[in-house]
PDB file of N, CA and C in Angstrom:
ATOM      1  N   MET A   1     -61.817 -17.410 -37.378  1.00  0.00           N
ATOM      2  CA  MET A   1     -61.177 -16.213 -36.853  1.00  0.00           C
ATOM      3  C   MET A   1     -60.915 -15.233 -37.997  1.00  0.00           C
ATOM      4  N   THR A   2     -61.064 -13.958 -37.670  1.00  0.00           N
ATOM      5  CA  THR A   2     -60.712 -12.940 -38.661  1.00  0.00           C
ATOM      6  C   THR A   2     -59.212 -12.723 -38.621  1.00  0.00           C
ATOM      7  N   GLY A   3     -58.705 -11.997 -39.593  1.00  0.00           N
ATOM      8  CA  GLY A   3     -57.269 -11.704 -39.622  1.00  0.00           C
ATOM      9  C   GLY A   3     -56.816 -10.971 -38.368  1.00  0.00           C
ATOM     10  N   ALA A   4     -57.629 -10.024 -37.925  1.00  0.00           N
ATOM     11  CA  ALA A   4     -57.277  -9.260 -36.719  1.00  0.00           C
ATOM     12  C   ALA A   4     -57.266 -10.164 -35.488  1.00  0.00           C
ATOM     13  N   GLU A   5     -58.258 -11.063 -35.404  1.00  0.00           N
ATOM     14  CA  GLU A   5     -58.305 -11.975 -34.264  1.00  0.00           C
ATOM     15  C   GLU A   5     -57.109 -12.918 -34.263  1.00  0.00           C
ATOM     16  N   GLU A   6     -56.703 -13.376 -35.452  1.00  0.00           N
ATOM     17  CA  GLU A   6     -55.535 -14.251 -35.538  1.00  0.00           C
ATOM     18  C   GLU A   6     -54.275 -13.520 -35.090  1.00  0.00           C
ATOM     19  N   GLN A   7     -54.142 -12.256 -35.498  1.00  0.00           N
ATOM     20  CA  GLN A   7     -52.973 -11.477 -35.078  1.00  0.00           C
ATOM     21  C   GLN A   7     -52.961 -11.287 -33.573  1.00  0.00           C
ATOM     22  N   LEU A   8     -54.137 -10.997 -33.006  1.00  0.00           N
ATOM     23  CA  LEU A   8     -54.211 -10.812 -31.561  1.00  0.00           C
ATOM     24  C   LEU A   8     -53.950 -12.125 -30.826  1.00  0.00           C
ATOM     25  N   ALA A   9     -54.473 -13.215 -31.345  1.00  0.00           N
ATOM     26  CA  ALA A   9     -54.263 -14.510 -30.716  1.00  0.00           C
ATOM     27  C   ALA A   9     -52.788 -14.899 -30.758  1.00  0.00           C
ATOM     28  N   GLY A  10     -52.087 -14.490 -31.809  1.00  0.00           N
ATOM     29  CA  GLY A  10     -50.668 -14.790 -31.944  1.00  0.00           C
ATOM     30  C   GLY A  10     -49.795 -13.838 -31.144  1.00  0.00           C
ATOM     31  N   GLY A  11     -50.396 -12.873 -30.497  1.00  0.00           N
ATOM     32  CA  GLY A  11     -49.630 -11.943 -29.681  1.00  0.00           C
ATOM     33  C   GLY A  11     -49.021 -10.802 -30.468  1.00  0.00           C
ATOM     34  N   ARG A  12     -49.375 -10.672 -31.714  1.00  0.00           N
ATOM     35  CA  ARG A  12     -48.821  -9.595 -32.528  1.00  0.00           C
ATOM     36  C   ARG A  12     -49.907  -8.589 -32.849  1.00  0.00           C
ATOM     37  N   ILE A  13     -49.703  -7.382 -32.418  1.00  0.00           N
ATOM     38  CA  ILE A  13     -50.625  -6.306 -32.750  1.00  0.00           C
ATOM     39  C   ILE A  13     -49.888  -5.387 -33.720  1.00  0.00           C
ATOM     40  N   PRO A  14     -50.472  -5.144 -34.874  1.00  0.00           N
ATOM     41  CA  PRO A  14     -49.805  -4.265 -35.838  1.00  0.00           C
ATOM     42  C   PRO A  14     -49.539  -2.886 -35.222  1.00  0.00           C
ATOM     43  N   PRO A  15     -48.426  -2.268 -35.538  1.00  0.00           N
ATOM     44  CA  PRO A  15     -48.088  -0.965 -34.961  1.00  0.00           C
ATOM     45  C   PRO A  15     -49.177   0.092 -35.136  1.00  0.00           C
ATOM     46  N   ALA A  16     -49.834   0.105 -36.276  1.00  0.00           N
ATOM     47  CA  ALA A  16     -50.890   1.100 -36.513  1.00  0.00           C
ATOM     48  C   ALA A  16     -52.055   0.898 -35.553  1.00  0.00           C
ATOM     49  N   ARG A  17     -52.396  -0.344 -35.281  1.00  0.00           N
ATOM     50  CA  ARG A  17     -53.501  -0.622 -34.339  1.00  0.00           C
ATOM     51  C   ARG A  17     -53.107  -0.266 -32.919  1.00  0.00           C
ATOM     52  N   ALA A  18     -51.854  -0.542 -32.569  1.00  0.00           N
ATOM     53  CA  ALA A  18     -51.372  -0.181 -31.229  1.00  0.00           C
ATOM     54  C   ALA A  18     -51.393   1.339 -31.065  1.00  0.00           C
ATOM     55  N   ARG A  19     -50.957   2.064 -32.101  1.00  0.00           N
ATOM     56  CA  ARG A  19     -50.985   3.529 -32.062  1.00  0.00           C
ATOM     57  C   ARG A  19     -52.417   4.029 -31.905  1.00  0.00           C
ATOM     58  N   ASP A  20     -53.333   3.471 -32.695  1.00  0.00           N
ATOM     59  CA  ASP A  20     -54.732   3.877 -32.600  1.00  0.00           C
ATOM     60  C   ASP A  20     -55.293   3.609 -31.203  1.00  0.00           C
ATOM     61  N   ALA A  21     -54.937   2.469 -30.629  1.00  0.00           N
ATOM     62  CA  ALA A  21     -55.420   2.139 -29.284  1.00  0.00           C
ATOM     63  C   ALA A  21     -54.906   3.144 -28.261  1.00  0.00           C
ATOM     64  N   ARG A  22     -53.644   3.551 -28.387  1.00  0.00           N
ATOM     65  CA  ARG A  22     -53.094   4.556 -27.455  1.00  0.00           C
ATOM     66  C   ARG A  22     -53.802   5.891 -27.622  1.00  0.00           C
ATOM     67  N   ILE A  23     -54.050   6.282 -28.862  1.00  0.00           N
ATOM     68  CA  ILE A  23     -54.743   7.547 -29.120  1.00  0.00           C
ATOM     69  C   ILE A  23     -56.158   7.504 -28.547  1.00  0.00           C
ATOM     70  N   VAL A  24     -56.876   6.428 -28.826  1.00  0.00           N
ATOM     71  CA  VAL A  24     -58.241   6.293 -28.316  1.00  0.00           C
ATOM     72  C   VAL A  24     -58.242   6.314 -26.790  1.00  0.00           C
ATOM     73  N   HIS A  25     -57.328   5.611 -26.186  1.00  0.00           N
ATOM     74  CA  HIS A  25     -57.251   5.589 -24.715  1.00  0.00           C
ATOM     75  C   HIS A  25     -57.064   6.992 -24.159  1.00  0.00           C
ATOM     76  N   GLN A  26     -56.125   7.743 -24.725  1.00  0.00           N
ATOM     77  CA  GLN A  26     -55.866   9.100 -24.240  1.00  0.00           C
ATOM     78  C   GLN A  26     -57.074  10.013 -24.463  1.00  0.00           C
ATOM     79  N   LEU A  27     -57.686   9.908 -25.620  1.00  0.00           N
ATOM     80  CA  LEU A  27     -58.839  10.759 -25.894  1.00  0.00           C
ATOM     81  C   LEU A  27     -60.040  10.390 -25.039  1.00  0.00           C
ATOM     82  N   ARG A  28     -60.242   9.101 -24.787  1.00  0.00           N
ATOM     83  CA  ARG A  28     -61.333   8.680 -23.889  1.00  0.00           C
ATOM     84  C   ARG A  28     -61.063   9.206 -22.484  1.00  0.00           C
ATOM     85  N   SER A  29     -59.800   9.162 -22.048  1.00  0.00           N
ATOM     86  CA  SER A  29     -59.442   9.694 -20.736  1.00  0.00           C
ATOM     87  C   SER A  29     -59.678  11.196 -20.666  1.00  0.00           C
ATOM     88  N   ALA A  30     -59.572  11.869 -21.809  1.00  0.00           N
ATOM     89  CA  ALA A  30     -59.782  13.314 -21.868  1.00  0.00           C
ATOM     90  C   ALA A  30     -61.260  13.670 -22.008  1.00  0.00           C
ATOM     91  N   GLY A  31     -62.122  12.661 -22.067  1.00  0.00           N
ATOM     92  CA  GLY A  31     -63.548  12.922 -22.117  1.00  0.00           C
ATOM     93  C   GLY A  31     -64.197  12.772 -23.484  1.00  0.00           C
ATOM     94  N   TYR A  32     -63.429  12.398 -24.498  1.00  0.00           N
ATOM     95  CA  TYR A  32     -64.013  12.190 -25.821  1.00  0.00           C
ATOM     96  C   TYR A  32     -64.978  11.021 -25.754  1.00  0.00           C
ATOM     97  N   ARG A  33     -66.128  11.158 -26.340  1.00  0.00           N
ATOM     98  CA  ARG A  33     -67.117  10.087 -26.393  1.00  0.00           C
ATOM     99  C   ARG A  33     -66.839   9.179 -27.586  1.00  0.00           C
ATOM    100  N   ILE A  34     -67.419   7.997 -27.549  1.00  0.00           N
ATOM    101  CA  ILE A  34     -67.173   6.995 -28.587  1.00  0.00           C
ATOM    102  C   ILE A  34     -67.680   7.464 -29.945  1.00  0.00           C
ATOM    103  N   GLY A  35     -68.849   8.071 -30.003  1.00  0.00           N
ATOM    104  CA  GLY A  35     -69.389   8.544 -31.281  1.00  0.00           C
ATOM    105  C   GLY A  35     -68.448   9.490 -32.011  1.00  0.00           C
ATOM    106  N   PRO A  36     -67.998  10.570 -31.342  1.00  0.00           N
ATOM    107  CA  PRO A  36     -67.056  11.471 -32.008  1.00  0.00           C
ATOM    108  C   PRO A  36     -65.734  10.782 -32.379  1.00  0.00           C
ATOM    109  N   LEU A  37     -65.312   9.804 -31.580  1.00  0.00           N
ATOM    110  CA  LEU A  37     -64.079   9.087 -31.907  1.00  0.00           C
ATOM    111  C   LEU A  37     -64.235   8.279 -33.192  1.00  0.00           C
ATOM    112  N   ARG A  38     -65.416   7.723 -33.385  1.00  0.00           N
ATOM    113  CA  ARG A  38     -65.660   6.966 -34.619  1.00  0.00           C
ATOM    114  C   ARG A  38     -65.514   7.861 -35.844  1.00  0.00           C
ATOM    115  N   THR A  39     -65.876   9.113 -35.688  1.00  0.00           N
ATOM    116  CA  THR A  39     -65.727  10.071 -36.785  1.00  0.00           C
ATOM    117  C   THR A  39     -64.283  10.550 -36.904  1.00  0.00           C
ATOM    118  N   LEU A  40     -63.656  10.771 -35.767  1.00  0.00           N
ATOM    119  CA  LEU A  40     -62.317  11.353 -35.746  1.00  0.00           C
ATOM    120  C   LEU A  40     -61.236  10.395 -36.238  1.00  0.00           C
ATOM    121  N   MET A  41     -61.264   9.155 -35.808  1.00  0.00           N
ATOM    122  CA  MET A  41     -60.153   8.232 -36.064  1.00  0.00           C
ATOM    123  C   MET A  41     -59.861   8.021 -37.557  1.00  0.00           C
ATOM    124  N   PRO A  42     -60.860   7.819 -38.421  1.00  0.00           N
ATOM    125  CA  PRO A  42     -60.514   7.667 -39.846  1.00  0.00           C
ATOM    126  C   PRO A  42     -59.841   8.930 -40.409  1.00  0.00           C
ATOM    127  N   ASP A  43     -60.326  10.102 -39.994  1.00  0.00           N
ATOM    128  CA  ASP A  43     -59.690  11.346 -40.439  1.00  0.00           C
ATOM    129  C   ASP A  43     -58.265  11.425 -39.928  1.00  0.00           C
ATOM    130  N   LEU A  44     -58.067  11.033 -38.697  1.00  0.00           N
ATOM    131  CA  LEU A  44     -56.747  11.112 -38.082  1.00  0.00           C
ATOM    132  C   LEU A  44     -55.766  10.168 -38.782  1.00  0.00           C
ATOM    133  N   ARG A  45     -56.228   8.992 -39.132  1.00  0.00           N
ATOM    134  CA  ARG A  45     -55.373   8.028 -39.844  1.00  0.00           C
ATOM    135  C   ARG A  45     -54.907   8.578 -41.190  1.00  0.00           C
ATOM    136  N   GLN A  46     -55.718   9.455 -41.771  1.00  0.00           N
ATOM    137  CA  GLN A  46     -55.368  10.044 -43.067  1.00  0.00           C
ATOM    138  C   GLN A  46     -54.586  11.346 -42.898  1.00  0.00           C
ATOM    139  N   GLY A  47     -54.256  11.689 -41.680  1.00  0.00           N
ATOM    140  CA  GLY A  47     -53.456  12.882 -41.431  1.00  0.00           C
ATOM    141  C   GLY A  47     -54.254  14.154 -41.269  1.00  0.00           C
ATOM    142  N   HIS A  48     -55.565  14.040 -41.128  1.00  0.00           N
ATOM    143  CA  HIS A  48     -56.416  15.206 -40.949  1.00  0.00           C
ATOM    144  C   HIS A  48     -56.793  15.363 -39.475  1.00  0.00           C
ATOM    145  N   ARG A  49     -57.140  16.574 -39.087  1.00  0.00           N
ATOM    146  CA  ARG A  49     -57.680  16.886 -37.761  1.00  0.00           C
ATOM    147  C   ARG A  49     -56.702  16.643 -36.618  1.00  0.00           C
ATOM    148  N   SER A  50     -55.424  16.572 -36.897  1.00  0.00           N
ATOM    149  CA  SER A  50     -54.464  16.354 -35.814  1.00  0.00           C
ATOM    150  C   SER A  50     -54.466  17.529 -34.843  1.00  0.00           C
ATOM    151  N   GLN A  51     -54.812  18.721 -35.332  1.00  0.00           N
ATOM    152  CA  GLN A  51     -54.893  19.886 -34.436  1.00  0.00           C
ATOM    153  C   GLN A  51     -55.981  19.685 -33.388  1.00  0.00           C
ATOM    154  N   ASP A  52     -57.091  19.050 -33.764  1.00  0.00           N
ATOM    155  CA  ASP A  52     -58.163  18.765 -32.802  1.00  0.00           C
ATOM    156  C   ASP A  52     -57.639  17.881 -31.676  1.00  0.00           C
ATOM    157  N   VAL A  53     -56.903  16.851 -32.058  1.00  0.00           N
ATOM    158  CA  VAL A  53     -56.365  15.919 -31.071  1.00  0.00           C
ATOM    159  C   VAL A  53     -55.352  16.632 -30.182  1.00  0.00           C
ATOM    160  N   ARG A  54     -54.472  17.411 -30.784  1.00  0.00           N
ATOM    161  CA  ARG A  54     -53.483  18.147 -29.988  1.00  0.00           C
ATOM    162  C   ARG A  54     -54.160  19.076 -28.991  1.00  0.00           C
ATOM    163  N   ALA A  55     -55.219  19.740 -29.401  1.00  0.00           N
ATOM    164  CA  ALA A  55     -55.930  20.663 -28.513  1.00  0.00           C
ATOM    165  C   ALA A  55     -56.566  19.921 -27.340  1.00  0.00           C
ATOM    166  N   VAL A  56     -57.184  18.785 -27.625  1.00  0.00           N
ATOM    167  CA  VAL A  56     -57.819  17.999 -26.561  1.00  0.00           C
ATOM    168  C   VAL A  56     -56.769  17.485 -25.579  1.00  0.00           C
ATOM    169  N   LEU A  57     -55.666  16.964 -26.111  1.00  0.00           N
ATOM    170  CA  LEU A  57     -54.624  16.426 -25.233  1.00  0.00           C
ATOM    171  C   LEU A  57     -53.918  17.534 -24.452  1.00  0.00           C
ATOM    172  N   ALA A  58     -53.747  18.700 -25.056  1.00  0.00           N
ATOM    173  CA  ALA A  58     -53.140  19.832 -24.334  1.00  0.00           C
ATOM    174  C   ALA A  58     -54.048  20.274 -23.197  1.00  0.00           C
ATOM    175  N   ALA A  59     -55.356  20.306 -23.447  1.00  0.00           N
ATOM    176  CA  ALA A  59     -56.306  20.663 -22.383  1.00  0.00           C
ATOM    177  C   ALA A  59     -56.269  19.630 -21.264  1.00  0.00           C
ATOM    178  N   ARG A  60     -56.144  18.357 -21.631  1.00  0.00           N
ATOM    179  CA  ARG A  60     -56.065  17.310 -20.611  1.00  0.00           C
ATOM    180  C   ARG A  60     -54.791  17.464 -19.786  1.00  0.00           C
ATOM    181  N   ASP A  61     -53.663  17.734 -20.454  1.00  0.00           N
ATOM    182  CA  ASP A  61     -52.410  17.944 -19.729  1.00  0.00           C
ATOM    183  C   ASP A  61     -52.521  19.122 -18.765  1.00  0.00           C
ATOM    184  N   ALA A  62     -53.135  20.214 -19.217  1.00  0.00           N
ATOM    185  CA  ALA A  62     -53.293  21.391 -18.361  1.00  0.00           C
ATOM    186  C   ALA A  62     -54.178  21.074 -17.159  1.00  0.00           C
ATOM    187  N   SER A  63     -55.209  20.298 -17.380  1.00  0.00           N
ATOM    188  CA  SER A  63     -56.104  19.912 -16.287  1.00  0.00           C
ATOM    189  C   SER A  63     -55.381  19.032 -15.267  1.00  0.00           C
ATOM    190  N   ILE A  64     -54.607  18.092 -15.751  1.00  0.00           N
ATOM    191  CA  ILE A  64     -53.841  17.221 -14.852  1.00  0.00           C
ATOM    192  C   ILE A  64     -52.829  18.043 -14.066  1.00  0.00           C
ATOM    193  N   ALA A  65     -52.154  18.973 -14.726  1.00  0.00           N
ATOM    194  CA  ALA A  65     -51.167  19.823 -14.052  1.00  0.00           C
ATOM    195  C   ALA A  65     -51.835  20.678 -12.977  1.00  0.00           C
ATOM    196  N   ALA A  66     -52.999  21.239 -13.286  1.00  0.00           N
ATOM    197  CA  ALA A  66     -53.714  22.076 -12.313  1.00  0.00           C
ATOM    198  C   ALA A  66     -54.163  21.251 -11.111  1.00  0.00           C
ATOM    199  N   ARG A  67     -54.689  20.060 -11.347  1.00  0.00           N
ATOM    200  CA  ARG A  67     -55.110  19.202 -10.236  1.00  0.00           C
ATOM    201  C   ARG A  67     -53.920  18.778  -9.394  1.00  0.00           C
ATOM    202  N   SER A  68     -52.810  18.451 -10.054  1.00  0.00           N
ATOM    203  CA  SER A  68     -51.604  18.047  -9.328  1.00  0.00           C
ATOM    204  C   SER A  68     -51.096  19.178  -8.444  1.00  0.00           C
ATOM    205  N   ARG A  69     -51.087  20.386  -8.988  1.00  0.00           N
ATOM    206  CA  ARG A  69     -50.643  21.545  -8.214  1.00  0.00           C
ATOM    207  C   ARG A  69     -51.582  21.789  -7.033  1.00  0.00           C
ATOM    208  N   ALA A  70     -52.889  21.670  -7.246  1.00  0.00           N
ATOM    209  CA  ALA A  70     -53.861  21.862  -6.170  1.00  0.00           C
ATOM    210  C   ALA A  70     -53.662  20.821  -5.071  1.00  0.00           C
ATOM    211  N   LEU A  71     -53.398  19.588  -5.452  1.00  0.00           N
ATOM    212  CA  LEU A  71     -53.145  18.544  -4.448  1.00  0.00           C
ATOM    213  C   LEU A  71     -51.871  18.832  -3.666  1.00  0.00           C
ATOM    214  N   PHE A  72     -50.845  19.284  -4.359  1.00  0.00           N
ATOM    215  CA  PHE A  72     -49.599  19.639  -3.692  1.00  0.00           C
ATOM    216  C   PHE A  72     -49.826  20.779  -2.700  1.00  0.00           C
ATOM    217  N   ASP A  73     -50.509  21.832  -3.142  1.00  0.00           N
ATOM    218  CA  ASP A  73     -50.794  22.968  -2.267  1.00  0.00           C
ATOM    219  C   ASP A  73     -51.625  22.539  -1.052  1.00  0.00           C
ATOM    220  N   ALA A  74     -52.601  21.681  -1.270  1.00  0.00           N
ATOM    221  CA  ALA A  74     -53.439  21.196  -0.168  1.00  0.00           C
ATOM    222  C   ALA A  74     -52.617  20.366   0.807  1.00  0.00           C
ATOM    223  N   THR A  75     -51.677  19.596   0.291  1.00  0.00           N
ATOM    224  CA  THR A  75     -50.819  18.786   1.152  1.00  0.00           C
ATOM    225  C   THR A  75     -49.963  19.671   2.051  1.00  0.00           C
ATOM    226  N   VAL A  76     -49.425  20.735   1.475  1.00  0.00           N
ATOM    227  CA  VAL A  76     -48.614  21.672   2.257  1.00  0.00           C
ATOM    228  C   VAL A  76     -49.472  22.316   3.337  1.00  0.00           C
ATOM    229  N   ALA A  77     -50.671  22.750   2.977  1.00  0.00           N
ATOM    230  CA  ALA A  77     -51.567  23.392   3.955  1.00  0.00           C
ATOM    231  C   ALA A  77     -51.970  22.413   5.050  1.00  0.00           C
ATOM    232  N   LEU A  78     -52.266  21.189   4.679  1.00  0.00           N
ATOM    233  CA  LEU A  78     -52.639  20.178   5.668  1.00  0.00           C
ATOM    234  C   LEU A  78     -51.466  19.875   6.596  1.00  0.00           C
ATOM    235  N   GLY A  79     -50.270  19.823   6.040  1.00  0.00           N
ATOM    236  CA  GLY A  79     -49.082  19.603   6.867  1.00  0.00           C
ATOM    237  C   GLY A  79     -48.913  20.702   7.895  1.00  0.00           C
ATOM    238  N   ALA A  80     -49.179  21.942   7.523  1.00  0.00           N
ATOM    239  CA  ALA A  80     -49.076  23.066   8.464  1.00  0.00           C
ATOM    240  C   ALA A  80     -50.114  22.943   9.574  1.00  0.00           C
ATOM    241  N   VAL A  81     -51.333  22.564   9.205  1.00  0.00           N
ATOM    242  CA  VAL A  81     -52.390  22.388  10.213  1.00  0.00           C
ATOM    243  C   VAL A  81     -52.020  21.268  11.174  1.00  0.00           C
ATOM    244  N   LEU A  82     -51.548  20.163  10.659  1.00  0.00           N
ATOM    245  CA  LEU A  82     -51.185  19.036  11.514  1.00  0.00           C
ATOM    246  C   LEU A  82     -50.005  19.381  12.421  1.00  0.00           C
ATOM    247  N   ALA A  83     -49.067  20.134  11.912  1.00  0.00           N
ATOM    248  CA  ALA A  83     -47.924  20.548  12.734  1.00  0.00           C
ATOM    249  C   ALA A  83     -48.377  21.436  13.883  1.00  0.00           C
ATOM    250  N   THR A  84     -49.304  22.345  13.584  1.00  0.00           N
ATOM    251  CA  THR A  84     -49.839  23.228  14.632  1.00  0.00           C
ATOM    252  C   THR A  84     -50.572  22.408  15.686  1.00  0.00           C
ATOM    253  N   GLU A  85     -51.362  21.458  15.250  1.00  0.00           N
ATOM    254  CA  GLU A  85     -52.100  20.604  16.183  1.00  0.00           C
ATOM    255  C   GLU A  85     -51.147  19.769  17.043  1.00  0.00           C
ATOM    256  N   ALA A  86     -50.071  19.282  16.441  1.00  0.00           N
ATOM    257  CA  ALA A  86     -49.120  18.460  17.177  1.00  0.00           C
ATOM    258  C   ALA A  86     -48.383  19.270  18.251  1.00  0.00           C
ATOM    259  N   GLN A  87     -48.283  20.581  18.025  1.00  0.00           N
ATOM    260  CA  GLN A  87     -47.611  21.433  18.992  1.00  0.00           C
ATOM    261  C   GLN A  87     -48.577  21.929  20.074  1.00  0.00           C
ATOM    262  N   GLY A  88     -49.805  21.453  19.988  1.00  0.00           N
ATOM    263  CA  GLY A  88     -50.776  21.793  21.023  1.00  0.00           C
ATOM    264  C   GLY A  88     -51.537  23.071  20.745  1.00  0.00           C
ATOM    265  N   GLY A  89     -51.502  23.548  19.517  1.00  0.00           N
ATOM    266  CA  GLY A  89     -52.131  24.829  19.225  1.00  0.00           C
ATOM    267  C   GLY A  89     -53.370  24.691  18.505  1.00  0.00           C
TER     268      GLY A  89
END
Protein backbone atom coordinates (compact mmCIF):
# COMPACT_ATOMS: atom_id res chain seq x y z
CA MET A 1 0.00 0.00 0.00
CA THR A 2 1.11 3.54 -0.67
CA GLY A 3 1.04 6.16 2.06
CA ALA A 4 -2.13 7.66 0.60
CA GLU A 5 -3.82 4.26 0.43
CA GLU A 6 -2.88 3.56 4.05
CA GLN A 7 -4.35 6.90 5.14
CA LEU A 8 -7.55 6.19 3.22
CA ALA A 9 -7.77 2.66 4.58
CA GLY A 10 -7.38 4.04 8.11
CA GLY A 11 -10.24 6.45 7.52
CA ARG A 12 -8.06 9.53 7.70
CA ILE A 13 -7.95 11.86 4.75
CA PRO A 14 -5.49 14.73 5.11
CA PRO A 15 -7.25 18.12 5.15
CA ALA A 16 -5.43 19.29 2.01
CA ARG A 17 -6.64 16.25 0.05
CA ALA A 18 -10.19 16.71 1.32
CA ARG A 19 -10.07 20.38 0.25
CA ASP A 20 -8.73 19.41 -3.18
CA ALA A 21 -11.48 16.81 -3.57
CA ARG A 22 -14.16 19.42 -2.76
CA ILE A 23 -12.64 21.88 -5.23
CA VAL A 24 -12.40 19.25 -7.97
CA HIS A 25 -15.98 18.14 -7.33
CA GLN A 26 -17.31 21.69 -7.61
CA LEU A 27 -15.29 22.46 -10.72
CA ARG A 28 -16.31 19.19 -12.40
CA SER A 29 -19.94 20.05 -11.59
CA ALA A 30 -19.34 23.44 -13.23
CA GLY A 31 -18.16 21.74 -16.41
CA TYR A 32 -14.38 21.79 -15.97
CA ARG A 33 -12.78 18.88 -17.80
CA ILE A 34 -10.18 16.60 -16.24
CA GLY A 35 -7.32 17.80 -18.46
CA PRO A 36 -7.62 21.47 -17.47
CA LEU A 37 -8.04 20.42 -13.83
CA ARG A 38 -4.74 18.57 -13.96
CA THR A 39 -3.13 21.85 -14.98
CA LEU A 40 -5.12 24.02 -12.61
CA MET A 41 -4.83 22.11 -9.33
CA PRO A 42 -1.03 22.37 -8.85
CA ASP A 43 -1.22 26.11 -9.55
CA LEU A 44 -4.14 26.45 -7.16
CA ARG A 45 -2.28 24.61 -4.38
CA GLN A 46 0.50 27.19 -4.73
CA GLY A 47 -1.96 30.06 -4.44
CA HIS A 48 -2.10 30.92 -8.13
CA ARG A 49 -5.13 31.20 -10.44
CA SER A 50 -7.67 31.46 -7.62
CA GLN A 51 -9.44 34.14 -9.68
CA ASP A 52 -10.07 31.53 -12.39
CA VAL A 53 -11.71 29.24 -9.86
CA ARG A 54 -13.77 32.06 -8.36
CA ALA A 55 -15.01 33.05 -11.82
CA VAL A 56 -16.02 29.49 -12.70
CA LEU A 57 -17.79 28.96 -9.38
CA ALA A 58 -19.54 32.35 -9.60
CA ALA A 59 -20.80 31.45 -13.08
CA ARG A 60 -22.03 28.12 -11.74
CA ASP A 61 -23.83 29.84 -8.85
CA ALA A 62 -25.48 32.28 -11.28
CA SER A 63 -26.58 29.41 -13.50
CA ILE A 64 -28.07 27.50 -10.57
CA ALA A 65 -29.86 30.65 -9.36
CA ALA A 66 -31.29 31.30 -12.84
CA ARG A 67 -32.51 27.71 -13.22
CA SER A 68 -34.02 27.77 -9.73
CA ARG A 69 -35.86 31.00 -10.48
CA ALA A 70 -37.12 29.60 -13.81
CA LEU A 71 -38.42 26.48 -12.05
CA PHE A 72 -40.14 28.61 -9.43
CA ASP A 73 -41.75 30.81 -12.10
CA ALA A 74 -42.88 27.74 -14.05
CA THR A 75 -44.38 26.24 -10.90
CA VAL A 76 -46.40 29.39 -10.28
CA ALA A 77 -47.61 29.43 -13.90
CA LEU A 78 -48.50 25.74 -13.79
CA GLY A 79 -50.39 26.27 -10.54
CA ALA A 80 -52.47 29.00 -12.21
CA VAL A 81 -53.27 26.73 -15.16
CA LEU A 82 -54.28 23.87 -12.89
CA ALA A 83 -56.44 26.16 -10.77
CA THR A 84 -58.24 27.39 -13.88
CA GLU A 85 -58.79 23.83 -15.06
CA ALA A 86 -60.10 22.78 -11.64
CA GLN A 87 -62.66 25.58 -11.79
CA GLY A 88 -63.93 24.24 -15.09
CA GLY A 89 -62.36 26.88 -17.29
